[in-house]
PDB file of N, CA and C in Angstrom:
ATOM      1  N   UNK A   1       0.717  -1.089   0.050  1.00  0.00           N
ATOM      2  CA  UNK A   1       0.136   0.085  -0.012  1.00  0.00           C
ATOM      3  C   UNK A   1       0.812   1.257   0.000  1.00  0.00           C
ATOM      4  N   UNK A   2       2.084   1.138   0.854  1.00  0.00           N
ATOM      5  CA  UNK A   2       2.691   2.504   0.804  1.00  0.00           C
ATOM      6  C   UNK A   2       3.979   2.315  -0.212  1.00  0.00           C
ATOM      7  N   UNK A   3       4.067   1.200  -0.918  1.00  0.00           N
ATOM      8  CA  UNK A   3       5.149   1.148  -1.871  1.00  0.00           C
ATOM      9  C   UNK A   3       6.487   0.839  -1.310  1.00  0.00           C
ATOM     10  N   UNK A   4       6.649   0.488  -0.057  1.00  0.00           N
ATOM     11  CA  UNK A   4       7.762   0.187   0.547  1.00  0.00           C
ATOM     12  C   UNK A   4       7.712  -0.977   1.477  1.00  0.00           C
ATOM     13  N   UNK A   5       7.199  -2.001   0.990  1.00  0.00           N
ATOM     14  CA  UNK A   5       7.017  -3.391   1.708  1.00  0.00           C
ATOM     15  C   UNK A   5       8.317  -3.906   2.622  1.00  0.00           C
ATOM     16  N   UNK A   6       9.401  -3.518   1.764  1.00  0.00           N
ATOM     17  CA  UNK A   6      10.873  -3.779   2.439  1.00  0.00           C
ATOM     18  C   UNK A   6      11.019  -3.202   3.883  1.00  0.00           C
ATOM     19  N   UNK A   7      10.557  -2.161   4.019  1.00  0.00           N
ATOM     20  CA  UNK A   7      10.838  -1.784   5.327  1.00  0.00           C
ATOM     21  C   UNK A   7      10.350  -2.568   6.418  1.00  0.00           C
ATOM     22  N   UNK A   8       9.347  -3.296   6.275  1.00  0.00           N
ATOM     23  CA  UNK A   8       9.019  -4.409   7.331  1.00  0.00           C
ATOM     24  C   UNK A   8      10.036  -5.331   7.750  1.00  0.00           C
ATOM     25  N   UNK A   9      10.546  -5.603   6.489  1.00  0.00           N
ATOM     26  CA  UNK A   9      11.685  -6.936   6.746  1.00  0.00           C
ATOM     27  C   UNK A   9      13.008  -6.132   7.321  1.00  0.00           C
ATOM     28  N   UNK A  10      13.409  -5.110   6.588  1.00  0.00           N
ATOM     29  CA  UNK A  10      14.399  -4.183   7.144  1.00  0.00           C
ATOM     30  C   UNK A  10      14.149  -2.953   7.873  1.00  0.00           C
ATOM     31  N   UNK A  11      13.928  -2.727   9.167  1.00  0.00           N
ATOM     32  CA  UNK A  11      13.615  -1.539   9.637  1.00  0.00           C
ATOM     33  C   UNK A  11      14.574  -0.535   9.417  1.00  0.00           C
ATOM     34  N   UNK A  12      16.013  -0.827   9.353  1.00  0.00           N
ATOM     35  CA  UNK A  12      16.827   0.122   9.128  1.00  0.00           C
ATOM     36  C   UNK A  12      17.624  -0.081   7.836  1.00  0.00           C
ATOM     37  N   UNK A  13      17.969   0.992   7.062  1.00  0.00           N
ATOM     38  CA  UNK A  13      18.575   0.962   5.700  1.00  0.00           C
ATOM     39  C   UNK A  13      19.933   0.383   5.941  1.00  0.00           C
ATOM     40  N   UNK A  14      20.198  -0.271   4.826  1.00  0.00           N
ATOM     41  CA  UNK A  14      21.723  -0.596   4.831  1.00  0.00           C
ATOM     42  C   UNK A  14      22.615   0.425   4.549  1.00  0.00           C
ATOM     43  N   UNK A  15      22.442   1.193   3.944  1.00  0.00           N
ATOM     44  CA  UNK A  15      23.462   2.374   3.422  1.00  0.00           C
ATOM     45  C   UNK A  15      22.789   3.889   3.777  1.00  0.00           C
ATOM     46  N   UNK A  16      23.755   4.822   3.809  1.00  0.00           N
ATOM     47  CA  UNK A  16      23.067   6.115   4.151  1.00  0.00           C
ATOM     48  C   UNK A  16      22.388   6.770   2.914  1.00  0.00           C
ATOM     49  N   UNK A  17      22.925   6.019   1.836  1.00  0.00           N
ATOM     50  CA  UNK A  17      22.185   6.621   0.568  1.00  0.00           C
ATOM     51  C   UNK A  17      20.574   6.026   0.477  1.00  0.00           C
ATOM     52  N   UNK A  18      20.378   4.919   1.145  1.00  0.00           N
ATOM     53  CA  UNK A  18      18.915   4.353   1.284  1.00  0.00           C
ATOM     54  C   UNK A  18      18.177   5.191   2.170  1.00  0.00           C
ATOM     55  N   UNK A  19      18.876   5.591   3.352  1.00  0.00           N
ATOM     56  CA  UNK A  19      18.242   6.529   4.313  1.00  0.00           C
ATOM     57  C   UNK A  19      17.787   7.784   3.687  1.00  0.00           C
ATOM     58  N   UNK A  20      18.670   8.527   2.767  1.00  0.00           N
ATOM     59  CA  UNK A  20      18.410   9.837   2.460  1.00  0.00           C
ATOM     60  C   UNK A  20      17.415   9.736   1.453  1.00  0.00           C
ATOM     61  N   UNK A  21      17.297   8.463   0.579  1.00  0.00           N
ATOM     62  CA  UNK A  21      16.215   8.203  -0.539  1.00  0.00           C
ATOM     63  C   UNK A  21      14.851   8.193   0.161  1.00  0.00           C
ATOM     64  N   UNK A  22      15.160   7.534   1.375  1.00  0.00           N
ATOM     65  CA  UNK A  22      13.506   7.219   2.138  1.00  0.00           C
ATOM     66  C   UNK A  22      13.015   8.637   2.656  1.00  0.00           C
ATOM     67  N   UNK A  23      13.939   9.398   3.289  1.00  0.00           N
ATOM     68  CA  UNK A  23      13.653  10.661   3.825  1.00  0.00           C
ATOM     69  C   UNK A  23      13.276  11.585   2.607  1.00  0.00           C
ATOM     70  N   UNK A  24      13.968  11.598   1.475  1.00  0.00           N
ATOM     71  CA  UNK A  24      13.704  12.353   0.151  1.00  0.00           C
ATOM     72  C   UNK A  24      12.032  11.862  -0.191  1.00  0.00           C
ATOM     73  N   UNK A  25      11.791  10.708  -0.209  1.00  0.00           N
ATOM     74  CA  UNK A  25      10.620  10.449  -0.435  1.00  0.00           C
ATOM     75  C   UNK A  25       9.447  10.757   0.382  1.00  0.00           C
ATOM     76  N   UNK A  26       9.757  10.609   1.851  1.00  0.00           N
ATOM     77  CA  UNK A  26       8.710  11.141   2.690  1.00  0.00           C
ATOM     78  C   UNK A  26       8.524  12.733   2.477  1.00  0.00           C
ATOM     79  N   UNK A  27       9.568  13.408   2.237  1.00  0.00           N
ATOM     80  CA  UNK A  27       9.626  14.810   2.022  1.00  0.00           C
ATOM     81  C   UNK A  27       8.529  15.068   0.735  1.00  0.00           C
ATOM     82  N   UNK A  28       8.881  14.168  -0.267  1.00  0.00           N
ATOM     83  CA  UNK A  28       8.274  14.680  -1.256  1.00  0.00           C
ATOM     84  C   UNK A  28       6.704  14.162  -1.156  1.00  0.00           C
ATOM     85  N   UNK A  29       6.217  13.199  -0.332  1.00  0.00           N
ATOM     86  CA  UNK A  29       4.962  12.888   0.220  1.00  0.00           C
ATOM     87  C   UNK A  29       4.106  14.182   0.791  1.00  0.00           C
ATOM     88  N   UNK A  30       4.964  14.622   1.490  1.00  0.00           N
ATOM     89  CA  UNK A  30       4.399  15.756   2.390  1.00  0.00           C
ATOM     90  C   UNK A  30       4.223  17.043   1.502  1.00  0.00           C
ATOM     91  N   UNK A  31       5.322  17.253   0.797  1.00  0.00           N
ATOM     92  CA  UNK A  31       4.885  18.398  -0.315  1.00  0.00           C
ATOM     93  C   UNK A  31       3.736  18.111  -1.019  1.00  0.00           C
ATOM     94  N   UNK A  32       3.475  17.124  -1.592  1.00  0.00           N
ATOM     95  CA  UNK A  32       2.262  16.817  -2.388  1.00  0.00           C
ATOM     96  C   UNK A  32       1.081  17.061  -1.478  1.00  0.00           C
ATOM     97  N   UNK A  33       1.066  16.610  -0.305  1.00  0.00           N
ATOM     98  CA  UNK A  33       0.021  16.606   0.548  1.00  0.00           C
ATOM     99  C   UNK A  33      -0.278  18.191   0.822  1.00  0.00           C
ATOM    100  N   UNK A  34       0.881  19.039   1.276  1.00  0.00           N
ATOM    101  CA  UNK A  34       0.763  20.302   1.381  1.00  0.00           C
ATOM    102  C   UNK A  34       0.101  20.940   0.325  1.00  0.00           C
ATOM    103  N   UNK A  35       0.373  20.911  -0.962  1.00  0.00           N
ATOM    104  CA  UNK A  35       0.260  21.420  -2.216  1.00  0.00           C
ATOM    105  C   UNK A  35      -1.280  21.378  -2.355  1.00  0.00           C
ATOM    106  N   UNK A  36      -1.709  19.872  -2.138  1.00  0.00           N
ATOM    107  CA  UNK A  36      -3.068  19.591  -2.459  1.00  0.00           C
ATOM    108  C   UNK A  36      -3.927  20.441  -1.292  1.00  0.00           C
ATOM    109  N   UNK A  37      -3.570  20.337  -0.228  1.00  0.00           N
ATOM    110  CA  UNK A  37      -4.425  21.155   0.821  1.00  0.00           C
ATOM    111  C   UNK A  37      -4.276  22.650   0.735  1.00  0.00           C
ATOM    112  N   UNK A  38      -3.343  23.208   0.391  1.00  0.00           N
ATOM    113  CA  UNK A  38      -3.214  24.475  -0.077  1.00  0.00           C
ATOM    114  C   UNK A  38      -4.033  24.682  -1.174  1.00  0.00           C
ATOM    115  N   UNK A  39      -4.008  24.174  -2.210  1.00  0.00           N
ATOM    116  CA  UNK A  39      -4.816  24.269  -3.423  1.00  0.00           C
ATOM    117  C   UNK A  39      -6.259  24.419  -3.039  1.00  0.00           C
ATOM    118  N   UNK A  40      -6.646  23.461  -2.311  1.00  0.00           N
ATOM    119  CA  UNK A  40      -8.243  23.478  -1.829  1.00  0.00           C
ATOM    120  C   UNK A  40      -8.493  24.532  -1.059  1.00  0.00           C
ATOM    121  N   UNK A  41      -7.636  24.889  -0.031  1.00  0.00           N
ATOM    122  CA  UNK A  41      -8.028  26.046   0.752  1.00  0.00           C
ATOM    123  C   UNK A  41      -8.053  27.380  -0.230  1.00  0.00           C
ATOM    124  N   UNK A  42      -7.070  27.414  -1.137  1.00  0.00           N
ATOM    125  CA  UNK A  42      -7.066  28.575  -2.059  1.00  0.00           C
ATOM    126  C   UNK A  42      -8.309  28.554  -3.008  1.00  0.00           C
ATOM    127  N   UNK A  43      -8.693  27.613  -3.516  1.00  0.00           N
ATOM    128  CA  UNK A  43      -9.877  27.494  -4.337  1.00  0.00           C
ATOM    129  C   UNK A  43     -11.064  27.863  -3.471  1.00  0.00           C
ATOM    130  N   UNK A  44     -11.330  27.553  -2.383  1.00  0.00           N
ATOM    131  CA  UNK A  44     -12.399  27.735  -1.396  1.00  0.00           C
ATOM    132  C   UNK A  44     -12.344  29.206  -1.190  1.00  0.00           C
ATOM    133  N   UNK A  45     -11.206  29.755  -0.765  1.00  0.00           N
ATOM    134  CA  UNK A  45     -11.138  31.072  -0.254  1.00  0.00           C
ATOM    135  C   UNK A  45     -11.454  32.014  -1.646  1.00  0.00           C
ATOM    136  N   UNK A  46     -10.994  31.639  -2.871  1.00  0.00           N
ATOM    137  CA  UNK A  46     -11.379  32.499  -3.792  1.00  0.00           C
ATOM    138  C   UNK A  46     -12.550  32.348  -4.284  1.00  0.00           C
ATOM    139  N   UNK A  47     -13.384  31.430  -4.126  1.00  0.00           N
ATOM    140  CA  UNK A  47     -14.827  31.266  -4.387  1.00  0.00           C
ATOM    141  C   UNK A  47     -15.520  32.098  -3.410  1.00  0.00           C
ATOM    142  N   UNK A  48     -15.128  31.967  -2.166  1.00  0.00           N
ATOM    143  CA  UNK A  48     -16.046  32.793  -1.330  1.00  0.00           C
ATOM    144  C   UNK A  48     -15.679  34.342  -1.343  1.00  0.00           C
ATOM    145  N   UNK A  49     -14.356  34.748  -1.878  1.00  0.00           N
ATOM    146  CA  UNK A  49     -13.951  36.144  -2.075  1.00  0.00           C
ATOM    147  C   UNK A  49     -14.830  36.756  -3.182  1.00  0.00           C
ATOM    148  N   UNK A  50     -14.903  35.741  -4.437  1.00  0.00           N
ATOM    149  CA  UNK A  50     -15.532  36.315  -5.354  1.00  0.00           C
ATOM    150  C   UNK A  50     -17.064  36.450  -5.047  1.00  0.00           C
ATOM    151  N   UNK A  51     -17.587  35.450  -4.438  1.00  0.00           N
ATOM    152  CA  UNK A  51     -18.966  35.597  -4.199  1.00  0.00           C
ATOM    153  C   UNK A  51     -19.299  36.824  -3.288  1.00  0.00           C
ATOM    154  N   UNK A  52     -18.332  37.208  -2.354  1.00  0.00           N
ATOM    155  CA  UNK A  52     -18.596  38.436  -1.469  1.00  0.00           C
ATOM    156  C   UNK A  52     -18.508  39.692  -2.591  1.00  0.00           C
ATOM    157  N   UNK A  53     -17.385  39.537  -3.618  1.00  0.00           N
ATOM    158  CA  UNK A  53     -17.318  40.610  -4.322  1.00  0.00           C
ATOM    159  C   UNK A  53     -18.620  40.771  -5.303  1.00  0.00           C
ATOM    160  N   UNK A  54     -19.311  39.816  -5.877  1.00  0.00           N
ATOM    161  CA  UNK A  54     -20.388  39.792  -6.723  1.00  0.00           C
ATOM    162  C   UNK A  54     -21.608  40.392  -5.806  1.00  0.00           C
ATOM    163  N   UNK A  55     -21.513  40.045  -4.501  1.00  0.00           N
ATOM    164  CA  UNK A  55     -22.732  40.650  -3.573  1.00  0.00           C
ATOM    165  C   UNK A  55     -22.425  42.029  -3.616  1.00  0.00           C
ATOM    166  N   UNK A  56     -21.232  42.621  -3.270  1.00  0.00           N
ATOM    167  CA  UNK A  56     -21.268  43.858  -3.040  1.00  0.00           C
ATOM    168  C   UNK A  56     -21.293  44.580  -4.118  1.00  0.00           C
TER     169      UNK A  56
END
């Protein structure tokens, strides 16, 4: 499901490069989550703002 089933077999990466790759992947996932959340909030705020503009 998470795309990293080897983590269950090997809790610790063998090389520092694998550890860096894992951290980099996690940061990428967080960046995607933040981008989606920010986009959703921006769209909602923009719609509400335009709604207020149209009313006034």
